[in-house]
Amino acid sequence: MAKSSSTFSKRENEKKRIQKRKDKEQRREDRKEGKETKSFEDMLAYVDENGNLTSTPPDQSKKRIISEAEIDLTSRNKGGVLPPHQHEGIVKHFDQAKGYGFIKDLKTSEEFFFHFSSADFAIAQNDNVLFETETGPRGLNAVRISKAASAT
């Protein structure tokens, strides 16, 4: 016995195409007859005070007047500059040949990258240091490093 030339899925796809065409023609006829005409006001959407879309206009009594002076046009990120704050830490790793290392903050246990040019003294591993942080290309970096009083 020979198989039919069209498979089940081909027939189903053809039925869907025909149905889509009929639906499109029906919508076109409805538009010509004026059945689905909506007014401009019916098509408008409003945003309420909570940011949700509604079909009703907002209550004008809840409207708040904002002056130009209240609007802050600056970005939240002030160029990566954090307020200066001294941190205390220990030099956990320092590569003398390459001139960089990592300082571990004593309070937060975070580690910060530093370059030897940020220090005002000869740095060695396990030194107690005071430092500030600034945002660098890869995150926070330790800068303005100075020797801390030894806590022995």
C-alpha atoms as a PDB file:
ATOM      1  CA  MET A   1       0.000   0.000   0.000  1.00  0.00           C
ATOM      2  CA  ALA A   2       1.241   3.423  -0.835  1.00  0.00           C
ATOM      3  CA  LYS A   3       1.321   6.254   1.692  1.00  0.00           C
ATOM      4  CA  SER A   4      -0.752   9.307   1.112  1.00  0.00           C
ATOM      5  CA  SER A   5       1.175  12.203  -0.369  1.00  0.00           C
ATOM      6  CA  SER A   6       0.299  14.568   2.461  1.00  0.00           C
ATOM      7  CA  THR A   7       1.015  13.854   6.093  1.00  0.00           C
ATOM      8  CA  PHE A   8      -1.173  14.746   9.038  1.00  0.00           C
ATOM      9  CA  SER A   9       0.923  17.789  10.044  1.00  0.00           C
ATOM     10  CA  LYS A  10       0.878  19.148   6.497  1.00  0.00           C
ATOM     11  CA  ARG A  11      -2.911  18.950   6.439  1.00  0.00           C
ATOM     12  CA  GLU A  12      -3.157  20.628   9.847  1.00  0.00           C
ATOM     13  CA  ASN A  13      -0.824  23.444   8.771  1.00  0.00           C
ATOM     14  CA  GLU A  14      -2.899  23.963   5.629  1.00  0.00           C
ATOM     15  CA  LYS A  15      -6.075  24.147   7.744  1.00  0.00           C
ATOM     16  CA  LYS A  16      -4.459  26.769   9.987  1.00  0.00           C
ATOM     17  CA  ARG A  17      -3.394  28.867   6.983  1.00  0.00           C
ATOM     18  CA  ILE A  18      -6.893  28.744   5.523  1.00  0.00           C
ATOM     19  CA  GLN A  19      -8.430  29.677   8.911  1.00  0.00           C
ATOM     20  CA  LYS A  20      -6.034  32.633   9.297  1.00  0.00           C
ATOM     21  CA  ARG A  21      -6.930  33.861   5.834  1.00  0.00           C
ATOM     22  CA  LYS A  22     -10.656  33.615   6.618  1.00  0.00           C
ATOM     23  CA  ASP A  23     -10.189  35.461   9.943  1.00  0.00           C
ATOM     24  CA  LYS A  24      -8.253  38.218   8.229  1.00  0.00           C
ATOM     25  CA  GLU A  25     -10.934  38.622   5.557  1.00  0.00           C
ATOM     26  CA  GLN A  26     -13.616  38.729   8.280  1.00  0.00           C
ATOM     27  CA  ARG A  27     -11.766  41.479  10.160  1.00  0.00           C
ATOM     28  CA  ARG A  28     -11.402  43.454   6.927  1.00  0.00           C
ATOM     29  CA  GLU A  29     -15.150  43.152   6.252  1.00  0.00           C
ATOM     30  CA  ASP A  30     -15.946  44.242   9.824  1.00  0.00           C
ATOM     31  CA  ARG A  31     -13.776  47.339   9.429  1.00  0.00           C
ATOM     32  CA  LYS A  32     -15.486  48.226   6.159  1.00  0.00           C
ATOM     33  CA  GLU A  33     -18.894  47.923   7.803  1.00  0.00           C
ATOM     34  CA  GLY A  34     -17.765  49.972  10.804  1.00  0.00           C
ATOM     35  CA  LYS A  35     -18.472  47.311  13.414  1.00  0.00           C
ATOM     36  CA  GLU A  36     -15.239  47.617  15.376  1.00  0.00           C
ATOM     37  CA  THR A  37     -14.689  51.339  15.318  1.00  0.00           C
ATOM     38  CA  LYS A  38     -13.411  52.607  18.645  1.00  0.00           C
ATOM     39  CA  SER A  39     -13.266  56.222  19.641  1.00  0.00           C
ATOM     40  CA  PHE A  40      -9.971  57.846  20.485  1.00  0.00           C
ATOM     41  CA  GLU A  41     -10.930  58.036  24.167  1.00  0.00           C
ATOM     42  CA  ASP A  42     -11.563  54.259  24.244  1.00  0.00           C
ATOM     43  CA  MET A  43      -8.025  53.626  22.992  1.00  0.00           C
ATOM     44  CA  LEU A  44      -6.278  55.799  25.613  1.00  0.00           C
ATOM     45  CA  ALA A  45      -4.503  54.258  28.583  1.00  0.00           C
ATOM     46  CA  TYR A  46      -3.570  56.158  31.735  1.00  0.00           C
ATOM     47  CA  VAL A  47      -0.946  55.568  34.391  1.00  0.00           C
ATOM     48  CA  ASP A  48      -2.078  55.828  38.011  1.00  0.00           C
ATOM     49  CA  GLU A  49       0.006  57.016  40.994  1.00  0.00           C
ATOM     50  CA  ASN A  50       1.367  53.483  41.491  1.00  0.00           C
ATOM     51  CA  GLY A  51       2.556  53.141  37.896  1.00  0.00           C
ATOM     52  CA  ASN A  52      -0.231  50.775  36.796  1.00  0.00           C
ATOM     53  CA  LEU A  53      -2.101  51.185  33.498  1.00  0.00           C
ATOM     54  CA  THR A  54      -5.790  52.010  33.827  1.00  0.00           C
ATOM     55  CA  SER A  55      -8.600  53.043  31.493  1.00  0.00           C
ATOM     56  CA  THR A  56      -9.773  55.860  33.785  1.00  0.00           C
ATOM     57  CA  PRO A  57      -8.046  59.247  33.883  1.00  0.00           C
ATOM     58  CA  PRO A  58      -6.040  60.037  37.040  1.00  0.00           C
ATOM     59  CA  ASP A  59      -7.569  61.995  39.907  1.00  0.00           C
ATOM     60  CA  GLN A  60      -6.448  65.617  39.520  1.00  0.00           C
ATOM     61  CA  SER A  61      -6.743  66.245  43.271  1.00  0.00           C
ATOM     62  CA  LYS A  62      -3.787  63.912  43.893  1.00  0.00           C
ATOM     63  CA  LYS A  63      -1.623  65.815  41.421  1.00  0.00           C
ATOM     64  CA  ARG A  64       1.586  67.147  42.957  1.00  0.00           C
ATOM     65  CA  ILE A  65       3.402  70.199  41.631  1.00  0.00           C
ATOM     66  CA  ILE A  66       7.163  69.720  41.303  1.00  0.00           C
ATOM     67  CA  SER A  67       9.485  72.668  40.908  1.00  0.00           C
ATOM     68  CA  GLU A  68      12.558  72.571  38.699  1.00  0.00           C
ATOM     69  CA  ALA A  69      14.822  72.961  41.728  1.00  0.00           C
ATOM     70  CA  GLU A  70      13.617  69.629  43.154  1.00  0.00           C
ATOM     71  CA  ILE A  71      14.736  67.653  40.110  1.00  0.00           C
ATOM     72  CA  ASP A  72      18.229  66.164  40.394  1.00  0.00           C
ATOM     73  CA  LEU A  73      19.715  65.718  36.935  1.00  0.00           C
ATOM     74  CA  THR A  74      23.010  64.267  38.086  1.00  0.00           C
ATOM     75  CA  SER A  75      23.641  60.558  37.941  1.00  0.00           C
ATOM     76  CA  ARG A  76      23.514  58.429  41.058  1.00  0.00           C
ATOM     77  CA  ASN A  77      27.023  57.178  40.405  1.00  0.00           C
ATOM     78  CA  LYS A  78      29.183  60.213  40.986  1.00  0.00           C
ATOM     79  CA  GLY A  79      31.974  58.938  38.746  1.00  0.00           C
ATOM     80  CA  GLY A  80      32.924  56.150  41.116  1.00  0.00           C
ATOM     81  CA  VAL A  81      34.047  58.562  43.819  1.00  0.00           C
ATOM     82  CA  LEU A  82      33.091  57.387  47.275  1.00  0.00           C
ATOM     83  CA  PRO A  83      33.286  59.661  50.286  1.00  0.00           C
ATOM     84  CA  PRO A  84      36.781  59.435  51.741  1.00  0.00           C
ATOM     85  CA  HIS A  85      36.860  57.019  54.604  1.00  0.00           C
ATOM     86  CA  GLN A  86      39.906  55.481  56.204  1.00  0.00           C
ATOM     87  CA  HIS A  87      39.984  51.702  56.404  1.00  0.00           C
ATOM     88  CA  GLU A  88      42.425  49.631  58.386  1.00  0.00           C
ATOM     89  CA  GLY A  89      43.799  46.456  56.897  1.00  0.00           C
ATOM     90  CA  ILE A  90      46.638  44.006  56.476  1.00  0.00           C
ATOM     91  CA  VAL A  91      48.651  43.416  53.303  1.00  0.00           C
ATOM     92  CA  LYS A  92      47.701  39.807  52.500  1.00  0.00           C
ATOM     93  CA  HIS A  93      49.690  39.496  49.275  1.00  0.00           C
ATOM     94  CA  PHE A  94      52.318  41.668  47.642  1.00  0.00           C
ATOM     95  CA  ASP A  95      54.275  40.846  44.483  1.00  0.00           C
ATOM     96  CA  GLN A  96      57.439  42.941  44.650  1.00  0.00           C
ATOM     97  CA  ALA A  97      58.414  42.178  41.038  1.00  0.00           C
ATOM     98  CA  LYS A  98      55.081  43.234  39.537  1.00  0.00           C
ATOM     99  CA  GLY A  99      54.315  46.002  42.049  1.00  0.00           C
ATOM    100  CA  TYR A 100      50.786  45.057  43.062  1.00  0.00           C
ATOM    101  CA  GLY A 101      49.061  43.278  45.907  1.00  0.00           C
ATOM    102  CA  PHE A 102      45.913  42.876  47.976  1.00  0.00           C
ATOM    103  CA  ILE A 103      44.904  44.418  51.280  1.00  0.00           C
ATOM    104  CA  LYS A 104      42.351  42.699  53.520  1.00  0.00           C
ATOM    105  CA  ASP A 105      40.061  45.078  55.408  1.00  0.00           C
ATOM    106  CA  LEU A 106      40.021  44.184  59.124  1.00  0.00           C
ATOM    107  CA  LYS A 107      36.350  45.126  59.649  1.00  0.00           C
ATOM    108  CA  THR A 108      34.690  43.682  56.550  1.00  0.00           C
ATOM    109  CA  SER A 109      37.262  41.035  55.503  1.00  0.00           C
ATOM    110  CA  GLU A 110      37.022  42.344  51.932  1.00  0.00           C
ATOM    111  CA  GLU A 111      40.158  42.318  49.829  1.00  0.00           C
ATOM    112  CA  PHE A 112      41.148  45.334  47.762  1.00  0.00           C
ATOM    113  CA  PHE A 113      43.669  45.509  44.935  1.00  0.00           C
ATOM    114  CA  PHE A 114      46.453  48.084  45.218  1.00  0.00           C
ATOM    115  CA  HIS A 115      49.481  49.228  43.243  1.00  0.00           C
ATOM    116  CA  PHE A 116      52.715  50.105  45.026  1.00  0.00           C
ATOM    117  CA  SER A 117      52.523  53.669  43.662  1.00  0.00           C
ATOM    118  CA  SER A 118      49.508  54.251  45.963  1.00  0.00           C
ATOM    119  CA  ALA A 119      51.666  53.861  49.065  1.00  0.00           C
ATOM    120  CA  ASP A 120      53.962  56.427  50.665  1.00  0.00           C
ATOM    121  CA  PHE A 121      56.338  53.801  52.107  1.00  0.00           C
ATOM    122  CA  ALA A 122      57.964  50.469  51.191  1.00  0.00           C
ATOM    123  CA  ILE A 123      55.196  47.866  51.495  1.00  0.00           C
ATOM    124  CA  ALA A 124      55.803  44.338  52.710  1.00  0.00           C
ATOM    125  CA  GLN A 125      53.461  41.411  53.277  1.00  0.00           C
ATOM    126  CA  ASN A 126      51.585  41.383  56.655  1.00  0.00           C
ATOM    127  CA  ASP A 127      52.020  45.161  57.153  1.00  0.00           C
ATOM    128  CA  ASN A 128      49.232  46.966  59.023  1.00  0.00           C
ATOM    129  CA  VAL A 129      48.050  49.813  56.816  1.00  0.00           C
ATOM    130  CA  LEU A 130      45.448  52.579  56.620  1.00  0.00           C
ATOM    131  CA  PHE A 131      43.882  53.148  53.198  1.00  0.00           C
ATOM    132  CA  GLU A 132      40.984  54.659  51.306  1.00  0.00           C
ATOM    133  CA  THR A 133      39.057  53.100  48.439  1.00  0.00           C
ATOM    134  CA  GLU A 134      38.236  54.333  44.952  1.00  0.00           C
ATOM    135  CA  THR A 135      36.464  52.644  42.093  1.00  0.00           C
ATOM    136  CA  GLY A 136      38.830  51.457  39.412  1.00  0.00           C
ATOM    137  CA  PRO A 137      38.212  49.691  36.102  1.00  0.00           C
ATOM    138  CA  ARG A 138      37.689  46.329  37.839  1.00  0.00           C
ATOM    139  CA  GLY A 139      36.139  47.359  41.137  1.00  0.00           C
ATOM    140  CA  LEU A 140      37.271  49.018  44.345  1.00  0.00           C
ATOM    141  CA  ASN A 141      40.999  49.708  44.696  1.00  0.00           C
ATOM    142  CA  ALA A 142      42.962  50.674  47.778  1.00  0.00           C
ATOM    143  CA  VAL A 143      44.561  54.121  47.417  1.00  0.00           C
ATOM    144  CA  ARG A 144      46.408  56.614  49.624  1.00  0.00           C
ATOM    145  CA  ILE A 145      47.950  53.809  51.647  1.00  0.00           C
ATOM    146  CA  SER A 146      49.877  54.744  54.778  1.00  0.00           C
ATOM    147  CA  LYS A 147      51.513  52.749  57.542  1.00  0.00           C
ATOM    148  CA  ALA A 148      49.302  52.105  60.563  1.00  0.00           C
ATOM    149  CA  ALA A 149      50.477  52.053  64.133  1.00  0.00           C
ATOM    150  CA  SER A 150      51.416  48.490  64.985  1.00  0.00           C
ATOM    151  CA  ALA A 151      48.909  46.831  67.309  1.00  0.00           C
ATOM    152  CA  THR A 152      51.288  44.534  69.171  1.00  0.00           C
END
